[in-house]
Structures are given as structure tokens and as C-alpha cells.
Amino acid sequence: MSDRKLELLRNVELFAGCTEVELRTVAATADMIFVDAGELLRDAATGPMFFVVLDGTAVLGADALLGPGQWDGAISLLGGEADTDDLRMLSDGLVLIAGPREFAGLLAAVPGFASGIGRELTRRLRDQHQRNFAA
């Protein structure tokens, strides 16, 4: 595992609650891949995957931008349902990727990761709830 991978993970809010040992587990479990601008990371035919943009910009669906530190795929993996939105890189970049087995392993073995997912999903749900009732 590279020092660069660990340094990139340390700078991601999702992993802020992870210990050094937990970060090393994440680094050893999930793959870090270089992706070219325009590359499709996920489409309707792809099985559920978890992605964290480490460097670069991706677009989710038609217009939701994901930048460094932002992630997608947890809801489909937790709920057992397929993702319906494409995920495509708008620029060259680095992405952390975990399949269903790796994602489940990280939830079980890395408490800081599991609590980070829970905090962010709770925040997203609260924001959506506020938008629904503000309209």
C-alpha cells in the first residue's frame, strides 16, 4: 500500500473518524484507480459499487457533481438495490472503489468508516426532508 493512498484517505471527511489502523485497512481493502476524463465508472448494467472521488470531478446522473472527498454507492449497497444513475468522470482523476464484499467488510472491520457513512447518510436525509417541507 502506498503512502500516497494513505495521505489521500486522511484528507477525506468520510474517514475523519478512522484510526491509523482503520485507514490502513481501508487502503488495503479498497482499490485506488486512475480514471480518464469521460470514463464511465457505473451505468445501469454495473452492479452496485462504492466510489470515493479522491482527485478530479465526476458527474452523477445528469447534473450532480462529485468532487474530491465526495462519494456515492452506499445506499444501493446497504439497501441491496441497483444504482440507476450513471457515474462518469468529467476530468482525469483518482477514485477509491469497493465492491459489495469489500464494502461490507469495511463496514464490519472499520468502525470509523461505518460511523462516517451513517453520519453522512443522516445529513443527506435531513437535508432532503428540509427541502421537501420547505417547498
C-alpha atoms as a PDB file:
ATOM      1  CA  MET A   1       0.000   0.000   0.000  1.00  0.00           C
ATOM      2  CA  SER A   2       1.356   3.379  -0.929  1.00  0.00           C
ATOM      3  CA  ASP A   3       1.935   6.347   1.330  1.00  0.00           C
ATOM      4  CA  ARG A   4       0.117   8.455  -1.279  1.00  0.00           C
ATOM      5  CA  LYS A   5      -3.032   6.368  -0.931  1.00  0.00           C
ATOM      6  CA  LEU A   6      -2.971   6.758   2.858  1.00  0.00           C
ATOM      7  CA  GLU A   7      -2.373  10.503   2.575  1.00  0.00           C
ATOM      8  CA  LEU A   8      -5.322  10.889   0.191  1.00  0.00           C
ATOM      9  CA  LEU A   9      -7.565   8.925   2.569  1.00  0.00           C
ATOM     10  CA  ARG A  10      -6.518  11.077   5.521  1.00  0.00           C
ATOM     11  CA  ASN A  11      -7.852  14.123   3.661  1.00  0.00           C
ATOM     12  CA  VAL A  12     -11.338  12.676   3.087  1.00  0.00           C
ATOM     13  CA  GLU A  13     -14.015  13.762   5.593  1.00  0.00           C
ATOM     14  CA  LEU A  14     -15.649  10.311   5.411  1.00  0.00           C
ATOM     15  CA  PHE A  15     -12.543   8.803   7.018  1.00  0.00           C
ATOM     16  CA  ALA A  16     -12.033  11.537   9.643  1.00  0.00           C
ATOM     17  CA  GLY A  17     -13.133   9.222  12.466  1.00  0.00           C
ATOM     18  CA  CYS A  18     -10.793   6.419  11.430  1.00  0.00           C
ATOM     19  CA  THR A  19      -7.712   5.464  13.384  1.00  0.00           C
ATOM     20  CA  GLU A  20      -4.430   4.910  11.565  1.00  0.00           C
ATOM     21  CA  VAL A  21      -5.023   1.144  11.708  1.00  0.00           C
ATOM     22  CA  GLU A  22      -8.501   1.611  10.243  1.00  0.00           C
ATOM     23  CA  LEU A  23      -7.134   3.812   7.443  1.00  0.00           C
ATOM     24  CA  ARG A  24      -4.614   1.100   6.617  1.00  0.00           C
ATOM     25  CA  THR A  25      -7.465  -1.422   6.480  1.00  0.00           C
ATOM     26  CA  VAL A  26      -9.393   0.810   4.079  1.00  0.00           C
ATOM     27  CA  ALA A  27      -6.285   1.286   1.938  1.00  0.00           C
ATOM     28  CA  ALA A  28      -5.629  -2.455   1.829  1.00  0.00           C
ATOM     29  CA  THR A  29      -9.255  -3.372   1.095  1.00  0.00           C
ATOM     30  CA  ALA A  30     -10.428  -0.815  -1.481  1.00  0.00           C
ATOM     31  CA  ASP A  31      -8.737  -0.221  -4.815  1.00  0.00           C
ATOM     32  CA  MET A  32      -7.487   3.163  -5.945  1.00  0.00           C
ATOM     33  CA  ILE A  33      -7.757   3.560  -9.702  1.00  0.00           C
ATOM     34  CA  PHE A  34      -6.770   6.285 -12.149  1.00  0.00           C
ATOM     35  CA  VAL A  35      -9.621   7.212 -14.470  1.00  0.00           C
ATOM     36  CA  ASP A  36      -9.608   9.292 -17.618  1.00  0.00           C
ATOM     37  CA  ALA A  37     -11.978  12.154 -18.307  1.00  0.00           C
ATOM     38  CA  GLY A  38     -15.162  10.796 -19.871  1.00  0.00           C
ATOM     39  CA  GLU A  39     -14.728   7.309 -18.431  1.00  0.00           C
ATOM     40  CA  LEU A  40     -17.936   5.697 -17.224  1.00  0.00           C
ATOM     41  CA  LEU A  41     -17.483   4.316 -13.705  1.00  0.00           C
ATOM     42  CA  ARG A  42     -21.011   2.998 -13.321  1.00  0.00           C
ATOM     43  CA  ASP A  43     -24.075   2.595 -15.503  1.00  0.00           C
ATOM     44  CA  ALA A  44     -27.386   0.782 -15.092  1.00  0.00           C
ATOM     45  CA  ALA A  45     -25.763  -2.551 -16.069  1.00  0.00           C
ATOM     46  CA  THR A  46     -22.987  -2.287 -13.487  1.00  0.00           C
ATOM     47  CA  GLY A  47     -23.565  -3.960 -10.172  1.00  0.00           C
ATOM     48  CA  PRO A  48     -23.559  -1.873  -7.012  1.00  0.00           C
ATOM     49  CA  MET A  49     -20.202  -0.290  -6.218  1.00  0.00           C
ATOM     50  CA  PHE A  50     -18.952   2.250  -3.715  1.00  0.00           C
ATOM     51  CA  PHE A  51     -16.890   5.154  -5.059  1.00  0.00           C
ATOM     52  CA  VAL A  52     -14.948   7.944  -3.365  1.00  0.00           C
ATOM     53  CA  VAL A  53     -13.546  10.652  -5.634  1.00  0.00           C
ATOM     54  CA  LEU A  54     -10.020  11.324  -4.358  1.00  0.00           C
ATOM     55  CA  ASP A  55      -8.950  13.661  -7.143  1.00  0.00           C
ATOM     56  CA  GLY A  56     -10.865  15.080 -10.085  1.00  0.00           C
ATOM     57  CA  THR A  57     -14.551  15.615 -10.745  1.00  0.00           C
ATOM     58  CA  ALA A  58     -17.325  13.170 -11.608  1.00  0.00           C
ATOM     59  CA  VAL A  59     -20.939  13.685 -12.604  1.00  0.00           C
ATOM     60  CA  LEU A  60     -23.703  11.558 -11.125  1.00  0.00           C
ATOM     61  CA  GLY A  61     -26.769  11.282 -13.315  1.00  0.00           C
ATOM     62  CA  ALA A  62     -27.446  14.391 -15.358  1.00  0.00           C
ATOM     63  CA  ASP A  63     -26.068  17.093 -13.125  1.00  0.00           C
ATOM     64  CA  ALA A  64     -24.878  16.141  -9.618  1.00  0.00           C
ATOM     65  CA  LEU A  65     -21.162  16.872  -9.373  1.00  0.00           C
ATOM     66  CA  LEU A  66     -18.856  14.907  -7.101  1.00  0.00           C
ATOM     67  CA  GLY A  67     -15.501  16.415  -6.218  1.00  0.00           C
ATOM     68  CA  PRO A  68     -12.612  15.260  -4.058  1.00  0.00           C
ATOM     69  CA  GLY A  69     -13.822  13.600  -0.873  1.00  0.00           C
ATOM     70  CA  GLN A  70     -17.361  13.031  -2.113  1.00  0.00           C
ATOM     71  CA  TRP A  71     -18.768   9.552  -2.533  1.00  0.00           C
ATOM     72  CA  ASP A  72     -21.638   7.513  -3.925  1.00  0.00           C
ATOM     73  CA  GLY A  73     -22.954   3.966  -3.885  1.00  0.00           C
ATOM     74  CA  ALA A  74     -23.533   3.304  -0.181  1.00  0.00           C
ATOM     75  CA  ILE A  75     -27.336   3.448  -0.363  1.00  0.00           C
ATOM     76  CA  SER A  76     -27.562   0.798  -3.087  1.00  0.00           C
ATOM     77  CA  LEU A  77     -25.097  -1.451  -1.257  1.00  0.00           C
ATOM     78  CA  LEU A  78     -26.870  -1.059   2.074  1.00  0.00           C
ATOM     79  CA  GLY A  79     -30.324  -1.485   0.538  1.00  0.00           C
ATOM     80  CA  GLY A  80     -29.452  -4.248  -1.902  1.00  0.00           C
ATOM     81  CA  GLU A  81     -30.830  -2.330  -4.869  1.00  0.00           C
ATOM     82  CA  ALA A  82     -29.169  -1.380  -8.138  1.00  0.00           C
ATOM     83  CA  ASP A  83     -27.996   2.173  -8.748  1.00  0.00           C
ATOM     84  CA  THR A  84     -29.914   3.872 -11.509  1.00  0.00           C
ATOM     85  CA  ASP A  85     -27.689   6.897 -12.160  1.00  0.00           C
ATOM     86  CA  ASP A  86     -24.597   6.794 -14.331  1.00  0.00           C
ATOM     87  CA  LEU A  87     -21.369   7.950 -12.757  1.00  0.00           C
ATOM     88  CA  ARG A  88     -18.888   9.437 -15.223  1.00  0.00           C
ATOM     89  CA  MET A  89     -15.596  11.238 -14.746  1.00  0.00           C
ATOM     90  CA  LEU A  90     -15.534  14.793 -16.073  1.00  0.00           C
ATOM     91  CA  SER A  91     -11.782  15.072 -15.573  1.00  0.00           C
ATOM     92  CA  ASP A  92      -8.843  12.753 -15.131  1.00  0.00           C
ATOM     93  CA  GLY A  93      -8.695  11.662 -11.523  1.00  0.00           C
ATOM     94  CA  LEU A  94      -8.232   9.103  -8.797  1.00  0.00           C
ATOM     95  CA  VAL A  95     -11.131   7.118  -7.388  1.00  0.00           C
ATOM     96  CA  LEU A  96     -11.327   4.715  -4.466  1.00  0.00           C
ATOM     97  CA  ILE A  97     -13.600   1.826  -5.363  1.00  0.00           C
ATOM     98  CA  ALA A  98     -15.073  -1.042  -3.351  1.00  0.00           C
ATOM     99  CA  GLY A  99     -17.409  -3.785  -4.487  1.00  0.00           C
ATOM    100  CA  PRO A 100     -20.175  -5.264  -2.337  1.00  0.00           C
ATOM    101  CA  ARG A 101     -17.937  -7.712  -0.478  1.00  0.00           C
ATOM    102  CA  GLU A 102     -15.241  -5.112   0.204  1.00  0.00           C
ATOM    103  CA  PHE A 103     -17.816  -2.523   1.286  1.00  0.00           C
ATOM    104  CA  ALA A 104     -19.452  -4.984   3.710  1.00  0.00           C
ATOM    105  CA  GLY A 105     -16.026  -5.936   5.055  1.00  0.00           C
ATOM    106  CA  LEU A 106     -15.151  -2.290   5.658  1.00  0.00           C
ATOM    107  CA  LEU A 107     -18.425  -1.676   7.495  1.00  0.00           C
ATOM    108  CA  ALA A 108     -17.710  -4.648   9.754  1.00  0.00           C
ATOM    109  CA  ALA A 109     -13.993  -4.043  10.326  1.00  0.00           C
ATOM    110  CA  VAL A 110     -13.678  -0.253  10.328  1.00  0.00           C
ATOM    111  CA  PRO A 111     -15.944   1.453  12.890  1.00  0.00           C
ATOM    112  CA  GLY A 112     -14.756   4.904  11.785  1.00  0.00           C
ATOM    113  CA  PHE A 113     -15.874   4.171   8.219  1.00  0.00           C
ATOM    114  CA  ALA A 114     -19.264   2.821   9.331  1.00  0.00           C
ATOM    115  CA  SER A 115     -19.935   5.862  11.528  1.00  0.00           C
ATOM    116  CA  GLY A 116     -18.821   8.205   8.723  1.00  0.00           C
ATOM    117  CA  ILE A 117     -21.292   6.568   6.328  1.00  0.00           C
ATOM    118  CA  GLY A 118     -24.039   6.814   8.943  1.00  0.00           C
ATOM    119  CA  ARG A 119     -23.347  10.496   9.673  1.00  0.00           C
ATOM    120  CA  GLU A 120     -23.332  11.489   6.022  1.00  0.00           C
ATOM    121  CA  LEU A 121     -26.448   9.497   5.100  1.00  0.00           C
ATOM    122  CA  THR A 122     -28.260  11.031   8.074  1.00  0.00           C
ATOM    123  CA  ARG A 123     -27.210  14.512   6.929  1.00  0.00           C
ATOM    124  CA  ARG A 124     -28.394  13.805   3.375  1.00  0.00           C
ATOM    125  CA  LEU A 125     -31.738  12.515   4.634  1.00  0.00           C
ATOM    126  CA  ARG A 126     -32.199  15.548   6.897  1.00  0.00           C
ATOM    127  CA  ASP A 127     -31.370  17.922   4.021  1.00  0.00           C
ATOM    128  CA  GLN A 128     -33.849  16.156   1.746  1.00  0.00           C
ATOM    129  CA  HIS A 129     -36.512  16.271   4.460  1.00  0.00           C
ATOM    130  CA  GLN A 130     -35.987  20.027   4.911  1.00  0.00           C
ATOM    131  CA  ARG A 131     -36.195  20.618   1.147  1.00  0.00           C
ATOM    132  CA  ASN A 132     -39.424  18.610   0.920  1.00  0.00           C
ATOM    133  CA  PHE A 133     -41.114  20.595   3.664  1.00  0.00           C
ATOM    134  CA  ALA A 134     -39.769  23.963   2.514  1.00  0.00           C
ATOM    135  CA  ALA A 135     -41.479  23.592  -0.865  1.00  0.00           C
END
